């Protein structure tokens, strides 16, 4: 089951944790890439979730 938050971004169910959102959205973007720009900060660094404070810092994003 794909769960999305109020912004339409894929999150983990049931906690609504956005820590893996960039990876999940990347996979889903094979069909639709309209939301990928949200995962880049002002320096074009990848963030895990653009709106969840815990995950919108590029230094907390895994590069693996």
Protein backbone atom coordinates (compact mmCIF):
# COMPACT_ATOMS: atom_id res chain seq x y z
CA UNK A 1 0.00 0.00 0.00
CA UNK A 2 1.39 3.42 -0.95
CA UNK A 3 0.73 6.06 1.71
CA UNK A 4 1.10 9.77 0.95
CA UNK A 5 1.16 12.74 3.30
CA UNK A 6 -0.86 15.94 2.84
CA UNK A 7 1.68 17.13 0.24
CA UNK A 8 1.32 13.99 -1.88
CA UNK A 9 4.74 12.66 -0.86
CA UNK A 10 5.18 8.94 -0.15
CA UNK A 11 5.85 8.19 3.55
CA UNK A 12 6.08 5.12 5.77
CA UNK A 13 2.82 3.75 7.11
CA UNK A 14 1.55 4.11 9.85
CA UNK A 15 4.06 6.55 11.37
CA UNK A 16 4.04 9.02 8.42
CA UNK A 17 7.86 9.07 8.73
CA UNK A 18 9.44 10.79 5.72
CA UNK A 19 13.00 9.55 6.20
CA UNK A 20 12.89 7.39 3.07
CA UNK A 21 10.63 9.65 1.03
CA UNK A 22 13.26 10.72 -1.50
CA UNK A 23 14.06 7.11 -2.39
CA UNK A 24 10.39 6.14 -2.58
CA UNK A 25 9.50 9.16 -4.71
CA UNK A 26 12.49 8.46 -6.94
CA UNK A 27 11.20 4.98 -7.69
CA UNK A 28 7.69 6.26 -8.26
CA UNK A 29 9.00 9.03 -10.53
CA UNK A 30 9.56 6.47 -13.23
CA UNK A 31 5.88 7.13 -13.88
CA UNK A 32 5.60 10.78 -12.76
CA UNK A 33 8.46 13.22 -12.08
CA UNK A 34 6.42 16.33 -11.22
CA UNK A 35 7.36 16.25 -7.53
CA UNK A 36 11.08 15.50 -7.71
CA UNK A 37 12.09 19.19 -7.53
CA UNK A 38 10.71 19.29 -3.97
CA UNK A 39 13.54 17.01 -2.82
CA UNK A 40 16.27 19.52 -3.66
CA UNK A 41 17.20 22.31 -1.27
CA UNK A 42 18.29 25.80 -2.35
CA UNK A 43 21.82 24.46 -3.05
CA UNK A 44 20.38 21.56 -5.09
CA UNK A 45 21.31 19.00 -2.41
CA UNK A 46 18.97 16.05 -1.92
CA UNK A 47 16.76 15.97 1.18
CA UNK A 48 14.80 13.00 2.49
CA UNK A 49 11.48 14.84 2.92
CA UNK A 50 11.02 18.50 2.02
CA UNK A 51 8.48 19.40 4.73
CA UNK A 52 9.29 17.23 7.75
CA UNK A 53 11.79 19.20 9.83
CA UNK A 54 13.63 16.07 10.95
CA UNK A 55 14.29 15.06 7.34
CA UNK A 56 14.58 18.30 5.33
CA UNK A 57 18.26 18.84 6.16
CA UNK A 58 20.55 17.56 3.40
CA UNK A 59 23.18 16.53 5.97
CA UNK A 60 20.74 13.89 7.27
CA UNK A 61 20.20 12.28 3.87
CA UNK A 62 21.86 8.96 3.20
CA UNK A 63 23.72 8.80 -0.11
CA UNK A 64 23.58 5.00 -0.39
